PDB file of N, CA and C in Angstrom:
ATOM      1  N   MET A   1       0.705  -1.252   0.201  1.00  0.00           N
ATOM      2  CA  MET A   1       0.071   0.312  -0.377  1.00  0.00           C
ATOM      3  C   MET A   1       0.875   1.021  -0.159  1.00  0.00           C
ATOM      4  N   LEU A   2       2.104   1.151   0.457  1.00  0.00           N
ATOM      5  CA  LEU A   2       2.848   2.415   0.757  1.00  0.00           C
ATOM      6  C   LEU A   2       2.948   2.695  -0.503  1.00  0.00           C
ATOM      7  N   PHE A   3       3.603   1.653  -1.362  1.00  0.00           N
ATOM      8  CA  PHE A   3       4.509   2.232  -2.842  1.00  0.00           C
ATOM      9  C   PHE A   3       3.240   2.439  -3.503  1.00  0.00           C
ATOM     10  N   GLY A   4       1.987   2.002  -3.360  1.00  0.00           N
ATOM     11  CA  GLY A   4       1.014   2.577  -4.232  1.00  0.00           C
ATOM     12  C   GLY A   4       1.131   4.324  -3.865  1.00  0.00           C
ATOM     13  N   VAL A   5       0.920   4.618  -2.719  1.00  0.00           N
ATOM     14  CA  VAL A   5       0.611   6.000  -2.212  1.00  0.00           C
ATOM     15  C   VAL A   5       1.666   6.591  -2.608  1.00  0.00           C
ATOM     16  N   LEU A   6       3.060   6.258  -2.434  1.00  0.00           N
ATOM     17  CA  LEU A   6       3.979   7.127  -3.164  1.00  0.00           C
ATOM     18  C   LEU A   6       4.013   7.082  -4.975  1.00  0.00           C
ATOM     19  N   LEU A   7       3.818   6.044  -5.261  1.00  0.00           N
ATOM     20  CA  LEU A   7       3.410   6.351  -6.905  1.00  0.00           C
ATOM     21  C   LEU A   7       2.397   6.931  -6.871  1.00  0.00           C
ATOM     22  N   GLY A   8       1.149   7.028  -6.384  1.00  0.00           N
ATOM     23  CA  GLY A   8       0.092   8.208  -6.502  1.00  0.00           C
ATOM     24  C   GLY A   8       0.709   9.640  -6.895  1.00  0.00           C
ATOM     25  N   ILE A   9       1.510  10.003  -5.438  1.00  0.00           N
ATOM     26  CA  ILE A   9       2.043  10.976  -5.599  1.00  0.00           C
ATOM     27  C   ILE A   9       3.047  11.388  -6.360  1.00  0.00           C
ATOM     28  N   TYR A  10       4.156  10.381  -6.740  1.00  0.00           N
ATOM     29  CA  TYR A  10       4.949  10.431  -7.827  1.00  0.00           C
ATOM     30  C   TYR A  10       4.401  11.315  -9.161  1.00  0.00           C
ATOM     31  N   ILE A  11       2.958  10.435  -9.693  1.00  0.00           N
ATOM     32  CA  ILE A  11       2.541  10.785 -10.730  1.00  0.00           C
ATOM     33  C   ILE A  11       1.582  11.648 -10.925  1.00  0.00           C
ATOM     34  N   GLY A  12       1.225  11.850  -9.448  1.00  0.00           N
ATOM     35  CA  GLY A  12       0.081  13.171  -9.306  1.00  0.00           C
ATOM     36  C   GLY A  12       0.830  14.664  -9.402  1.00  0.00           C
ATOM     37  N   VAL A  13       1.960  14.941  -8.462  1.00  0.00           N
ATOM     38  CA  VAL A  13       2.739  15.424  -8.336  1.00  0.00           C
ATOM     39  C   VAL A  13       4.016  15.606  -9.442  1.00  0.00           C
ATOM     40  N   TYR A  14       4.881  14.920  -9.814  1.00  0.00           N
ATOM     41  CA  TYR A  14       5.918  15.371 -10.648  1.00  0.00           C
ATOM     42  C   TYR A  14       5.465  15.440 -12.168  1.00  0.00           C
ATOM     43  N   ILE A  15       4.633  14.105 -12.244  1.00  0.00           N
ATOM     44  CA  ILE A  15       4.652  14.019 -13.730  1.00  0.00           C
ATOM     45  C   ILE A  15       3.395  14.619 -14.143  1.00  0.00           C
ATOM     46  N   MET A  16       2.388  14.887 -13.482  1.00  0.00           N
ATOM     47  CA  MET A  16       0.850  15.576 -14.144  1.00  0.00           C
ATOM     48  C   MET A  16       1.211  17.061 -14.023  1.00  0.00           C
ATOM     49  N   PHE A  17       1.380  17.165 -12.508  1.00  0.00           N
ATOM     50  CA  PHE A  17       1.465  18.823 -12.106  1.00  0.00           C
ATOM     51  C   PHE A  17       2.606  19.911 -12.796  1.00  0.00           C
ATOM     52  N   ILE A  18       3.818  19.387 -11.993  1.00  0.00           N
ATOM     53  CA  ILE A  18       5.001  19.800 -12.543  1.00  0.00           C
ATOM     54  C   ILE A  18       5.265  19.614 -14.124  1.00  0.00           C
ATOM     55  N   GLY A  19       4.978  18.439 -14.616  1.00  0.00           N
ATOM     56  CA  GLY A  19       5.170  18.358 -16.062  1.00  0.00           C
ATOM     57  C   GLY A  19       3.738  19.102 -16.786  1.00  0.00           C
ATOM     58  N   GLY A  20       2.766  19.708 -16.168  1.00  0.00           N
ATOM     59  CA  GLY A  20       1.879  20.792 -17.161  1.00  0.00           C
ATOM     60  C   GLY A  20       2.813  21.780 -16.932  1.00  0.00           C
ATOM     61  N   ILE A  21       3.139  22.065 -16.045  1.00  0.00           N
ATOM     62  CA  ILE A  21       3.800  23.340 -15.780  1.00  0.00           C
ATOM     63  C   ILE A  21       4.696  23.476 -17.158  1.00  0.00           C
ATOM     64  N   VAL A  22       5.697  22.505 -17.028  1.00  0.00           N
ATOM     65  CA  VAL A  22       6.782  22.292 -18.080  1.00  0.00           C
ATOM     66  C   VAL A  22       6.422  22.637 -19.395  1.00  0.00           C
ATOM     67  N   GLN A  23       5.015  21.807 -19.587  1.00  0.00           N
ATOM     68  CA  GLN A  23       4.708  21.584 -20.747  1.00  0.00           C
ATOM     69  C   GLN A  23       4.104  22.946 -21.301  1.00  0.00           C
ATOM     70  N   ILE A  24       3.588  23.990 -20.545  1.00  0.00           N
ATOM     71  CA  ILE A  24       3.188  25.346 -20.988  1.00  0.00           C
ATOM     72  C   ILE A  24       3.962  26.143 -20.854  1.00  0.00           C
ATOM     73  N   ILE A  25       5.394  26.210 -20.668  1.00  0.00           N
ATOM     74  CA  ILE A  25       6.452  26.988 -20.226  1.00  0.00           C
ATOM     75  C   ILE A  25       7.135  26.645 -21.720  1.00  0.00           C
ATOM     76  N   ASN A  26       7.170  25.197 -21.934  1.00  0.00           N
ATOM     77  CA  ASN A  26       7.781  24.962 -23.636  1.00  0.00           C
ATOM     78  C   ASN A  26       6.803  25.819 -24.643  1.00  0.00           C
ATOM     79  N   ALA A  27       5.448  25.788 -24.249  1.00  0.00           N
ATOM     80  CA  ALA A  27       4.591  25.934 -25.331  1.00  0.00           C
ATOM     81  C   ALA A  27       4.449  27.087 -25.885  1.00  0.00           C
ATOM     82  N   ILE A  28       4.985  28.116 -24.314  1.00  0.00           N
ATOM     83  CA  ILE A  28       5.352  29.776 -24.533  1.00  0.00           C
ATOM     84  C   ILE A  28       6.321  29.962 -25.590  1.00  0.00           C
ATOM     85  N   LYS A  29       7.747  29.223 -25.030  1.00  0.00           N
ATOM     86  CA  LYS A  29       8.539  29.862 -25.699  1.00  0.00           C
ATOM     87  C   LYS A  29       8.185  29.002 -26.772  1.00  0.00           C
ATOM     88  N   ALA A  30       7.699  28.875 -27.872  1.00  0.00           N
ATOM     89  CA  ALA A  30       7.884  27.990 -28.739  1.00  0.00           C
ATOM     90  C   ALA A  30       7.639  29.215 -29.713  1.00  0.00           C
ATOM     91  N   THR A  31       8.354  29.045 -31.270  1.00  0.00           N
ATOM     92  CA  THR A  31       8.412  30.257 -32.177  1.00  0.00           C
ATOM     93  C   THR A  31       6.782  30.549 -32.671  1.00  0.00           C
ATOM     94  N   PRO A  32       6.178  29.513 -33.089  1.00  0.00           N
ATOM     95  CA  PRO A  32       4.532  29.782 -33.457  1.00  0.00           C
ATOM     96  C   PRO A  32       4.091  29.316 -32.080  1.00  0.00           C
ATOM     97  N   VAL A  33       3.834  30.048 -31.820  1.00  0.00           N
ATOM     98  CA  VAL A  33       2.561  30.072 -30.042  1.00  0.00           C
ATOM     99  C   VAL A  33       1.312  29.606 -30.848  1.00  0.00           C
ATOM    100  N   GLU A  34       1.083  27.952 -30.191  1.00  0.00           N
ATOM    101  CA  GLU A  34       0.057  27.421 -30.549  1.00  0.00           C
ATOM    102  C   GLU A  34      -0.933  27.242 -29.233  1.00  0.00           C
ATOM    103  N   ALA A  35      -2.461  27.501 -29.157  1.00  0.00           N
ATOM    104  CA  ALA A  35      -3.173  27.317 -27.810  1.00  0.00           C
ATOM    105  C   ALA A  35      -3.614  25.545 -27.526  1.00  0.00           C
ATOM    106  N   MET A  36      -3.482  24.745 -28.176  1.00  0.00           N
ATOM    107  CA  MET A  36      -3.377  23.626 -28.171  1.00  0.00           C
ATOM    108  C   MET A  36      -2.587  22.526 -26.590  1.00  0.00           C
ATOM    109  N   PRO A  37      -1.241  22.644 -27.054  1.00  0.00           N
ATOM    110  CA  PRO A  37      -0.772  22.879 -26.197  1.00  0.00           C
ATOM    111  C   PRO A  37      -0.540  23.392 -24.675  1.00  0.00           C
ATOM    112  N   ILE A  38      -0.900  24.339 -24.670  1.00  0.00           N
ATOM    113  CA  ILE A  38      -1.082  25.179 -23.811  1.00  0.00           C
ATOM    114  C   ILE A  38      -2.285  24.534 -22.994  1.00  0.00           C
ATOM    115  N   ALA A  39      -3.841  24.870 -23.464  1.00  0.00           N
ATOM    116  CA  ALA A  39      -4.955  23.867 -23.127  1.00  0.00           C
ATOM    117  C   ALA A  39      -4.423  22.679 -22.517  1.00  0.00           C
ATOM    118  N   LEU A  40      -3.156  21.493 -22.994  1.00  0.00           N
ATOM    119  CA  LEU A  40      -3.127  20.423 -22.850  1.00  0.00           C
ATOM    120  C   LEU A  40      -2.480  20.528 -21.175  1.00  0.00           C
ATOM    121  N   GLY A  41      -1.323  21.526 -21.137  1.00  0.00           N
ATOM    122  CA  GLY A  41      -0.727  21.392 -19.638  1.00  0.00           C
ATOM    123  C   GLY A  41      -1.782  22.055 -18.775  1.00  0.00           C
ATOM    124  N   VAL A  42      -2.974  23.174 -19.103  1.00  0.00           N
ATOM    125  CA  VAL A  42      -3.425  23.613 -18.143  1.00  0.00           C
ATOM    126  C   VAL A  42      -4.538  22.050 -17.655  1.00  0.00           C
ATOM    127  N   ALA A  43      -4.620  21.402 -18.465  1.00  0.00           N
ATOM    128  CA  ALA A  43      -5.820  20.086 -18.812  1.00  0.00           C
ATOM    129  C   ALA A  43      -4.799  19.345 -17.450  1.00  0.00           C
ATOM    130  N   ARG A  44      -3.136  18.948 -17.757  1.00  0.00           N
ATOM    131  CA  ARG A  44      -2.784  17.963 -17.030  1.00  0.00           C
ATOM    132  C   ARG A  44      -2.703  18.708 -15.695  1.00  0.00           C
ATOM    133  N   MET A  45      -2.509  20.160 -15.231  1.00  0.00           N
ATOM    134  CA  MET A  45      -2.692  20.583 -14.255  1.00  0.00           C
ATOM    135  C   MET A  45      -3.820  20.246 -13.448  1.00  0.00           C
ATOM    136  N   VAL A  46      -4.649  20.695 -14.093  1.00  0.00           N
ATOM    137  CA  VAL A  46      -6.226  19.953 -13.383  1.00  0.00           C
ATOM    138  C   VAL A  46      -6.431  19.026 -12.844  1.00  0.00           C
ATOM    139  N   CYS A  47      -6.122  17.790 -13.740  1.00  0.00           N
ATOM    140  CA  CYS A  47      -6.268  16.788 -13.824  1.00  0.00           C
ATOM    141  C   CYS A  47      -5.363  16.043 -12.454  1.00  0.00           C
ATOM    142  N   ALA A  48      -4.128  16.670 -12.098  1.00  0.00           N
ATOM    143  CA  ALA A  48      -3.263  16.314 -11.439  1.00  0.00           C
ATOM    144  C   ALA A  48      -3.618  15.394 -10.052  1.00  0.00           C
ATOM    145  N   SER A  49      -4.386  15.988  -9.473  1.00  0.00           N
ATOM    146  CA  SER A  49      -4.816  15.670  -8.153  1.00  0.00           C
ATOM    147  C   SER A  49      -5.848  14.664  -8.263  1.00  0.00           C
ATOM    148  N   ILE A  50      -7.001  14.307  -9.193  1.00  0.00           N
ATOM    149  CA  ILE A  50      -7.656  13.239  -9.303  1.00  0.00           C
ATOM    150  C   ILE A  50      -6.855  12.330  -9.593  1.00  0.00           C
ATOM    151  N   VAL A  51      -5.853  11.904 -10.735  1.00  0.00           N
ATOM    152  CA  VAL A  51      -5.371  11.196 -11.412  1.00  0.00           C
ATOM    153  C   VAL A  51      -4.627  10.323  -9.926  1.00  0.00           C
ATOM    154  N   GLY A  52      -3.893  11.439  -9.114  1.00  0.00           N
ATOM    155  CA  GLY A  52      -3.076  11.010  -8.175  1.00  0.00           C
ATOM    156  C   GLY A  52      -3.856  10.360  -7.350  1.00  0.00           C
ATOM    157  N   SER A  53      -5.007  10.635  -6.951  1.00  0.00           N
ATOM    158  CA  SER A  53      -6.303  10.071  -6.132  1.00  0.00           C
ATOM    159  C   SER A  53      -6.376   8.919  -6.555  1.00  0.00           C
ATOM    160  N   ILE A  54      -7.094   8.684  -7.576  1.00  0.00           N
ATOM    161  CA  ILE A  54      -7.190   7.424  -8.663  1.00  0.00           C
ATOM    162  C   ILE A  54      -6.281   5.884  -7.730  1.00  0.00           C
ATOM    163  N   ILE A  55      -5.365   6.523  -8.069  1.00  0.00           N
ATOM    164  CA  ILE A  55      -4.006   5.865  -8.215  1.00  0.00           C
ATOM    165  C   ILE A  55      -3.798   5.179  -6.583  1.00  0.00           C
ATOM    166  N   VAL A  56      -3.930   6.125  -5.815  1.00  0.00           N
ATOM    167  CA  VAL A  56      -3.743   5.559  -4.056  1.00  0.00           C
ATOM    168  C   VAL A  56      -4.685   5.076  -3.971  1.00  0.00           C
ATOM    169  N   PHE A  57      -5.919   5.457  -4.065  1.00  0.00           N
ATOM    170  CA  PHE A  57      -7.197   4.709  -3.821  1.00  0.00           C
ATOM    171  C   PHE A  57      -7.259   2.936  -4.416  1.00  0.00           C
ATOM    172  N   GLY A  58      -7.005   3.230  -5.809  1.00  0.00           N
ATOM    173  CA  GLY A  58      -6.882   2.171  -6.353  1.00  0.00           C
ATOM    174  C   GLY A  58      -5.582   0.922  -5.838  1.00  0.00           C
ATOM    175  N   SER A  59      -4.648   1.523  -4.981  1.00  0.00           N
ATOM    176  CA  SER A  59      -3.692   0.882  -4.809  1.00  0.00           C
ATOM    177  C   SER A  59      -3.853   0.350  -3.053  1.00  0.00           C
ATOM    178  N   ILE A  60      -4.887   1.359  -2.179  1.00  0.00           N
ATOM    179  CA  ILE A  60      -5.194   0.545  -1.095  1.00  0.00           C
ATOM    180  C   ILE A  60      -6.056  -0.188  -1.137  1.00  0.00           C
ATOM    181  N   VAL A  61      -7.026   0.181  -2.115  1.00  0.00           N
ATOM    182  CA  VAL A  61      -8.371  -0.863  -2.519  1.00  0.00           C
ATOM    183  C   VAL A  61      -7.196  -2.691  -2.617  1.00  0.00           C
ATOM    184  N   ILE A  62      -6.202  -2.434  -3.907  1.00  0.00           N
ATOM    185  CA  ILE A  62      -5.786  -3.456  -4.041  1.00  0.00           C
ATOM    186  C   ILE A  62      -4.977  -4.471  -2.439  1.00  0.00           C
ATOM    187  N   GLY A  63      -4.218  -3.529  -1.842  1.00  0.00           N
ATOM    188  CA  GLY A  63      -3.747  -4.033  -0.816  1.00  0.00           C
ATOM    189  C   GLY A  63      -4.439  -4.602   0.214  1.00  0.00           C
ATOM    190  N   ARG A  64      -5.555  -3.824   0.147  1.00  0.00           N
ATOM    191  CA  ARG A  64      -6.847  -4.151   1.363  1.00  0.00           C
ATOM    192  C   ARG A  64      -7.087  -6.023   0.526  1.00  0.00           C
ATOM    193  N   ILE A  65      -7.421  -5.939  -0.372  1.00  0.00           N
ATOM    194  CA  ILE A  65      -8.268  -7.332  -1.055  1.00  0.00           C
ATOM    195  C   ILE A  65      -6.901  -8.504  -0.905  1.00  0.00           C
ATOM    196  N   VAL A  66      -5.559  -7.991  -0.846  1.00  0.00           N
ATOM    197  CA  VAL A  66      -4.872  -9.430  -0.960  1.00  0.00           C
ATOM    198  C   VAL A  66      -4.119  -9.211   0.641  1.00  0.00           C
ATOM    199  N   ILE A  67      -4.343  -8.163   1.257  1.00  0.00           N
ATOM    200  CA  ILE A  67      -4.171  -8.670   2.740  1.00  0.00           C
ATOM    201  C   ILE A  67      -4.900  -9.611   3.577  1.00  0.00           C
ATOM    202  N   ASP A  68      -6.623  -9.518   3.043  1.00  0.00           N
ATOM    203  CA  ASP A  68      -7.373  -9.828   3.601  1.00  0.00           C
ATOM    204  C   ASP A  68      -7.511 -11.744   2.693  1.00  0.00           C
TER     205      ASP A  68
END
């Protein structure tokens, strides 16, 4: 269960939230600024907590099933 919680935090914070910020910065620095990469970066940041929570919840449920 601990691994699942750490995995959820890693994916939710680092990959989704920080990755969304980096994606927005790279999209703004690009020569032809396009709206789609910026929108996807914002969507990534908005969905970060949802994705992290789903992973943590899923790992806790699987851990409970395995323990019982």
